[in-house]
Amino acid sequence: QVQLVESGGGLVQPGGSLRLSCAASRIIFSIYDMGWYRQAPGKQRELVVSLEAGGATNYADSVKGRFTISRDNAKNMVYLQMNSLKPEDTAVYYCNARHWASDATLTTYWGKGTLVTVSS
């Protein structure tokens, strides 16, 4: 069974940094587009950043210049380095894996999330 397991969340002061990690198992990791989403209380889940298998990235405007996504295909890991954190970054952060097959079938997996709280 495919698993995505996030870690690295916690409480941080405004202006601080956190690094989230997502460990993937039982998928051919290198062919999957990976992404980080977040959901704040009372709000819809939103894309933070995606990193395609081919290397293209797409950052939400709200995190550009502050967050950086990276992946290690040898370790089946994806990371989210978050700097200059703001209270509005407070949310549950979810790891996502997505793959479009040649027949246009979409396969997607989600982790259970890790909570990031930015507060003084």
N, C-alpha and C. Protein backbone atom coordinates (compact mmCIF):
# COMPACT_ATOMS: atom_id res chain seq x y z
N GLN A 1 0.85 -1.19 0.00
CA GLN A 1 0.00 0.00 0.00
C GLN A 1 0.88 1.24 0.00
N VAL A 2 0.55 2.19 -0.88
CA VAL A 2 1.33 3.41 -0.99
C VAL A 2 1.18 4.25 0.27
N GLN A 3 2.30 4.79 0.71
CA GLN A 3 2.26 5.67 1.89
C GLN A 3 3.06 6.93 1.63
N LEU A 4 2.49 8.05 2.05
CA LEU A 4 3.22 9.31 2.11
C LEU A 4 3.17 9.76 3.57
N VAL A 5 4.33 9.96 4.17
CA VAL A 5 4.38 10.30 5.58
C VAL A 5 5.14 11.61 5.75
N GLU A 6 4.42 12.62 6.24
CA GLU A 6 5.04 13.93 6.46
C GLU A 6 5.63 14.02 7.85
N SER A 7 6.64 14.85 7.98
CA SER A 7 7.24 15.12 9.28
C SER A 7 7.85 16.51 9.24
N GLY A 8 8.18 17.03 10.43
CA GLY A 8 8.87 18.30 10.51
C GLY A 8 8.03 19.48 10.93
N GLY A 9 6.74 19.28 11.09
CA GLY A 9 5.89 20.37 11.53
C GLY A 9 6.13 20.72 12.98
N GLY A 10 5.54 21.82 13.40
CA GLY A 10 5.69 22.24 14.79
C GLY A 10 5.35 23.69 14.97
N LEU A 11 5.72 24.20 16.13
CA LEU A 11 5.48 25.60 16.48
C LEU A 11 6.75 26.40 16.23
N VAL A 12 6.59 27.52 15.53
CA VAL A 12 7.73 28.38 15.23
C VAL A 12 7.29 29.82 15.34
N GLN A 13 8.22 30.68 15.71
CA GLN A 13 7.91 32.10 15.81
C GLN A 13 7.89 32.75 14.44
N PRO A 14 7.16 33.83 14.30
CA PRO A 14 7.20 34.57 13.02
C PRO A 14 8.64 34.93 12.66
N GLY A 15 8.95 34.76 11.39
CA GLY A 15 10.31 35.00 10.91
C GLY A 15 11.20 33.78 10.97
N GLY A 16 10.73 32.73 11.61
CA GLY A 16 11.52 31.52 11.75
C GLY A 16 11.43 30.61 10.55
N SER A 17 12.07 29.45 10.67
CA SER A 17 12.14 28.49 9.57
C SER A 17 11.76 27.09 10.05
N LEU A 18 11.25 26.33 9.12
CA LEU A 18 10.99 24.90 9.33
C LEU A 18 11.28 24.17 8.04
N ARG A 19 11.62 22.91 8.17
CA ARG A 19 11.81 22.06 7.01
C ARG A 19 10.90 20.86 7.14
N LEU A 20 9.97 20.75 6.22
CA LEU A 20 9.09 19.60 6.18
C LEU A 20 9.68 18.52 5.28
N SER A 21 9.42 17.28 5.66
CA SER A 21 9.85 16.15 4.86
C SER A 21 8.66 15.25 4.57
N CYS A 22 8.73 14.60 3.44
CA CYS A 22 7.69 13.62 3.07
C CYS A 22 8.40 12.39 2.54
N ALA A 23 8.15 11.27 3.19
CA ALA A 23 8.73 10.00 2.77
C ALA A 23 7.68 9.20 2.03
N ALA A 24 8.02 8.77 0.84
CA ALA A 24 7.10 7.99 0.01
C ALA A 24 7.56 6.55 -0.06
N SER A 25 6.60 5.66 -0.04
CA SER A 25 6.94 4.24 -0.15
C SER A 25 5.96 3.55 -1.09
N ARG A 26 6.47 2.52 -1.73
CA ARG A 26 5.67 1.65 -2.60
C ARG A 26 5.14 2.37 -3.85
N ILE A 27 5.87 3.37 -4.31
CA ILE A 27 5.57 3.95 -5.61
C ILE A 27 6.88 4.12 -6.36
N ILE A 28 6.76 4.23 -7.69
CA ILE A 28 7.95 4.55 -8.49
C ILE A 28 8.12 6.06 -8.38
N PHE A 29 8.79 6.47 -7.34
CA PHE A 29 8.79 7.87 -6.91
C PHE A 29 9.22 8.82 -8.03
N SER A 30 10.21 8.43 -8.80
CA SER A 30 10.81 9.34 -9.76
C SER A 30 9.86 9.78 -10.86
N ILE A 31 8.78 9.05 -11.10
CA ILE A 31 7.85 9.41 -12.18
C ILE A 31 6.69 10.26 -11.68
N TYR A 32 6.62 10.45 -10.38
CA TYR A 32 5.51 11.20 -9.80
C TYR A 32 5.84 12.69 -9.67
N ASP A 33 4.85 13.50 -10.00
CA ASP A 33 4.90 14.91 -9.64
C ASP A 33 4.58 14.99 -8.15
N MET A 34 5.38 15.76 -7.43
CA MET A 34 5.17 15.88 -5.98
C MET A 34 4.73 17.29 -5.63
N GLY A 35 3.97 17.41 -4.58
CA GLY A 35 3.52 18.73 -4.19
C GLY A 35 3.25 18.83 -2.71
N TRP A 36 3.22 20.06 -2.26
CA TRP A 36 2.81 20.37 -0.90
C TRP A 36 1.57 21.25 -0.97
N TYR A 37 0.57 20.86 -0.21
CA TYR A 37 -0.66 21.63 -0.07
C TYR A 37 -0.81 21.99 1.40
N ARG A 38 -1.66 22.95 1.67
CA ARG A 38 -1.94 23.29 3.05
C ARG A 38 -3.41 23.65 3.22
N GLN A 39 -3.88 23.45 4.44
CA GLN A 39 -5.26 23.79 4.76
C GLN A 39 -5.28 24.47 6.12
N ALA A 40 -5.66 25.72 6.10
CA ALA A 40 -5.79 26.48 7.34
C ALA A 40 -7.20 26.28 7.89
N PRO A 41 -7.37 26.51 9.18
CA PRO A 41 -8.69 26.34 9.79
C PRO A 41 -9.75 27.18 9.07
N GLY A 42 -10.84 26.53 8.70
CA GLY A 42 -11.94 27.22 8.05
C GLY A 42 -11.72 27.56 6.60
N LYS A 43 -10.61 27.10 6.03
CA LYS A 43 -10.31 27.41 4.64
C LYS A 43 -10.16 26.14 3.82
N GLN A 44 -10.21 26.31 2.50
CA GLN A 44 -10.03 25.17 1.61
C GLN A 44 -8.55 24.82 1.48
N ARG A 45 -8.31 23.58 1.14
CA ARG A 45 -6.93 23.15 0.89
C ARG A 45 -6.43 23.88 -0.35
N GLU A 46 -5.18 24.35 -0.28
CA GLU A 46 -4.61 25.08 -1.40
C GLU A 46 -3.21 24.57 -1.73
N LEU A 47 -2.84 24.73 -2.99
CA LEU A 47 -1.50 24.34 -3.42
C LEU A 47 -0.49 25.33 -2.87
N VAL A 48 0.56 24.80 -2.28
CA VAL A 48 1.70 25.61 -1.85
C VAL A 48 2.75 25.63 -2.95
N VAL A 49 3.14 24.44 -3.38
CA VAL A 49 4.14 24.32 -4.43
C VAL A 49 4.09 22.92 -4.99
N SER A 50 4.36 22.81 -6.28
CA SER A 50 4.49 21.50 -6.91
C SER A 50 5.84 21.39 -7.59
N LEU A 51 6.31 20.17 -7.69
CA LEU A 51 7.58 19.88 -8.34
C LEU A 51 7.36 18.68 -9.24
N GLU A 52 7.38 18.93 -10.55
CA GLU A 52 7.12 17.86 -11.51
C GLU A 52 8.29 16.88 -11.56
N ALA A 53 7.99 15.72 -12.06
CA ALA A 53 9.05 14.71 -12.21
C ALA A 53 10.17 15.25 -13.09
N GLY A 54 9.82 16.09 -14.03
CA GLY A 54 10.82 16.65 -14.93
C GLY A 54 11.56 17.84 -14.37
N GLY A 55 11.14 18.33 -13.19
CA GLY A 55 11.86 19.40 -12.53
C GLY A 55 11.17 20.74 -12.49
N ALA A 56 10.10 20.93 -13.24
CA ALA A 56 9.41 22.22 -13.22
C ALA A 56 8.71 22.43 -11.88
N THR A 57 8.72 23.66 -11.42
CA THR A 57 8.08 24.00 -10.16
C THR A 57 6.99 25.04 -10.37
N ASN A 58 6.05 25.04 -9.45
CA ASN A 58 4.98 26.02 -9.46
C ASN A 58 4.70 26.42 -8.03
N TYR A 59 5.03 27.67 -7.68
CA TYR A 59 4.85 28.15 -6.32
C TYR A 59 3.62 29.05 -6.23
N ALA A 60 2.91 28.95 -5.14
CA ALA A 60 1.86 29.91 -4.86
C ALA A 60 2.52 31.28 -4.65
N ASP A 61 1.85 32.33 -5.10
CA ASP A 61 2.42 33.67 -4.97
C ASP A 61 2.75 34.01 -3.52
N SER A 62 1.95 33.50 -2.61
CA SER A 62 2.10 33.84 -1.20
C SER A 62 3.38 33.29 -0.58
N VAL A 63 4.01 32.31 -1.24
CA VAL A 63 5.22 31.70 -0.65
C VAL A 63 6.46 31.90 -1.50
N LYS A 64 6.30 32.52 -2.67
CA LYS A 64 7.46 32.73 -3.54
C LYS A 64 8.54 33.52 -2.82
N GLY A 65 9.77 33.04 -2.97
CA GLY A 65 10.90 33.71 -2.33
C GLY A 65 11.11 33.31 -0.88
N ARG A 66 10.17 32.58 -0.30
CA ARG A 66 10.31 32.16 1.10
C ARG A 66 10.39 30.64 1.23
N PHE A 67 9.67 29.93 0.39
CA PHE A 67 9.64 28.46 0.46
C PHE A 67 10.39 27.86 -0.72
N THR A 68 11.00 26.71 -0.47
CA THR A 68 11.71 26.01 -1.53
C THR A 68 11.41 24.52 -1.44
N ILE A 69 10.98 23.95 -2.56
CA ILE A 69 10.73 22.52 -2.63
C ILE A 69 11.93 21.83 -3.26
N SER A 70 12.20 20.62 -2.80
CA SER A 70 13.25 19.81 -3.40
C SER A 70 12.87 18.34 -3.24
N ARG A 71 13.53 17.51 -4.02
CA ARG A 71 13.26 16.08 -3.93
C ARG A 71 14.57 15.31 -4.06
N ASP A 72 14.58 14.13 -3.47
CA ASP A 72 15.70 13.21 -3.57
C ASP A 72 15.12 11.89 -4.06
N ASN A 73 15.23 11.64 -5.34
CA ASN A 73 14.63 10.43 -5.92
C ASN A 73 15.28 9.16 -5.40
N ALA A 74 16.55 9.24 -5.02
CA ALA A 74 17.24 8.06 -4.50
C ALA A 74 16.68 7.65 -3.14
N LYS A 75 16.17 8.62 -2.40
CA LYS A 75 15.65 8.34 -1.06
C LYS A 75 14.12 8.36 -1.00
N ASN A 76 13.48 8.60 -2.15
CA ASN A 76 12.01 8.72 -2.18
C ASN A 76 11.51 9.78 -1.20
N MET A 77 12.17 10.92 -1.22
CA MET A 77 11.84 11.99 -0.28
C MET A 77 11.58 13.30 -1.03
N VAL A 78 10.67 14.07 -0.49
CA VAL A 78 10.46 15.43 -0.96
C VAL A 78 10.47 16.34 0.27
N TYR A 79 11.01 17.53 0.09
CA TYR A 79 11.21 18.45 1.20
C TYR A 79 10.57 19.80 0.90
N LEU A 80 10.23 20.49 1.97
CA LEU A 80 9.77 21.86 1.83
C LEU A 80 10.50 22.70 2.87
N GLN A 81 11.42 23.52 2.39
CA GLN A 81 12.13 24.45 3.27
C GLN A 81 11.30 25.72 3.34
N MET A 82 10.92 26.09 4.55
CA MET A 82 10.07 27.27 4.75
C MET A 82 10.83 28.29 5.59
N ASN A 83 11.07 29.44 5.01
CA ASN A 83 11.78 30.52 5.69
C ASN A 83 10.86 31.72 5.84
N SER A 84 11.26 32.63 6.71
CA SER A 84 10.50 33.87 6.93
C SER A 84 9.02 33.57 7.14
N LEU A 85 8.76 32.64 8.00
CA LEU A 85 7.38 32.20 8.22
C LEU A 85 6.53 33.30 8.83
N LYS A 86 5.27 33.30 8.41
CA LYS A 86 4.31 34.29 8.86
C LYS A 86 3.14 33.59 9.56
N PRO A 87 2.43 34.29 10.41
CA PRO A 87 1.27 33.65 11.06
C PRO A 87 0.27 33.08 10.05
N GLU A 88 0.15 33.71 8.91
CA GLU A 88 -0.79 33.22 7.89
C GLU A 88 -0.32 31.94 7.21
N ASP A 89 0.88 31.50 7.51
CA ASP A 89 1.35 30.19 7.01
C ASP A 89 0.87 29.05 7.91
N THR A 90 0.25 29.39 9.01
CA THR A 90 -0.26 28.36 9.91
C THR A 90 -1.31 27.51 9.21
N ALA A 91 -1.08 26.20 9.20
CA ALA A 91 -1.97 25.28 8.50
C ALA A 91 -1.47 23.86 8.71
N VAL A 92 -2.30 22.92 8.30
CA VAL A 92 -1.85 21.54 8.16
C VAL A 92 -1.28 21.41 6.74
N TYR A 93 -0.08 20.91 6.65
CA TYR A 93 0.60 20.77 5.37
C TYR A 93 0.56 19.31 4.93
N TYR A 94 0.12 19.12 3.70
CA TYR A 94 -0.05 17.78 3.15
C TYR A 94 0.89 17.54 1.99
N CYS A 95 1.44 16.37 1.95
CA CYS A 95 2.26 15.92 0.82
C CYS A 95 1.35 15.23 -0.20
N ASN A 96 1.62 15.49 -1.47
CA ASN A 96 0.81 14.90 -2.54
C ASN A 96 1.72 14.32 -3.62
N ALA A 97 1.34 13.17 -4.12
CA ALA A 97 2.03 12.55 -5.25
C ALA A 97 1.01 12.34 -6.36
N ARG A 98 1.39 12.68 -7.59
CA ARG A 98 0.44 12.63 -8.69
C ARG A 98 1.14 12.14 -9.95
N HIS A 99 0.44 11.28 -10.69
CA HIS A 99 1.02 10.77 -11.94
C HIS A 99 -0.07 10.60 -12.98
N TRP A 100 0.19 11.17 -14.14
CA TRP A 100 -0.70 10.99 -15.29
C TRP A 100 -0.14 9.88 -16.16
N ALA A 101 -0.90 8.81 -16.32
CA ALA A 101 -0.47 7.73 -17.18
C ALA A 101 -0.69 8.10 -18.65
N SER A 102 -0.14 7.31 -19.54
CA SER A 102 -0.24 7.59 -20.97
C SER A 102 -1.68 7.52 -21.47
N ASP A 103 -2.55 6.81 -20.73
CA ASP A 103 -3.96 6.72 -21.13
C ASP A 103 -4.80 7.79 -20.42
N ALA A 104 -4.12 8.79 -19.85
CA ALA A 104 -4.77 9.92 -19.18
C ALA A 104 -5.39 9.53 -17.84
N THR A 105 -5.01 8.40 -17.31
CA THR A 105 -5.47 8.03 -15.97
C THR A 105 -4.63 8.78 -14.94
N LEU A 106 -5.32 9.40 -14.00
CA LEU A 106 -4.63 10.13 -12.93
C LEU A 106 -4.59 9.28 -11.68
N THR A 107 -3.40 9.12 -11.14
CA THR A 107 -3.22 8.46 -9.85
C THR A 107 -2.67 9.49 -8.88
N THR A 108 -3.31 9.62 -7.73
CA THR A 108 -2.86 10.60 -6.75
C THR A 108 -2.94 10.02 -5.35
N TYR A 109 -1.98 10.40 -4.55
CA TYR A 109 -1.91 9.95 -3.17
C TYR A 109 -1.69 11.15 -2.26
N TRP A 110 -2.18 11.02 -1.03
CA TRP A 110 -2.04 12.08 -0.03
C TRP A 110 -1.47 11.52 1.25
N GLY A 111 -0.67 12.34 1.91
CA GLY A 111 -0.27 12.03 3.26
C GLY A 111 -1.34 12.49 4.23
N LYS A 112 -1.10 12.22 5.51
CA LYS A 112 -2.09 12.59 6.53
C LYS A 112 -1.88 13.99 7.07
N GLY A 113 -0.77 14.61 6.72
CA GLY A 113 -0.55 15.99 7.09
C GLY A 113 0.31 16.18 8.32
N THR A 114 0.92 17.35 8.38
CA THR A 114 1.69 17.76 9.55
C THR A 114 1.35 19.22 9.86
N LEU A 115 1.15 19.51 11.11
CA LEU A 115 0.69 20.83 11.51
C LEU A 115 1.86 21.79 11.68
N VAL A 116 1.72 22.95 11.05
CA VAL A 116 2.68 24.04 11.21
C VAL A 116 1.94 25.21 11.86
N THR A 117 2.45 25.65 12.98
CA THR A 117 1.86 26.79 13.69
C THR A 117 2.91 27.88 13.81
N VAL A 118 2.57 29.05 13.29
CA VAL A 118 3.48 30.20 13.35
C VAL A 118 2.87 31.21 14.30
N SER A 119 3.50 31.35 15.45
CA SER A 119 2.93 32.21 16.48
C SER A 119 4.01 32.61 17.46
N SER A 120 3.84 33.80 18.00
CA SER A 120 4.77 34.27 19.03
C SER A 120 4.21 33.95 20.41
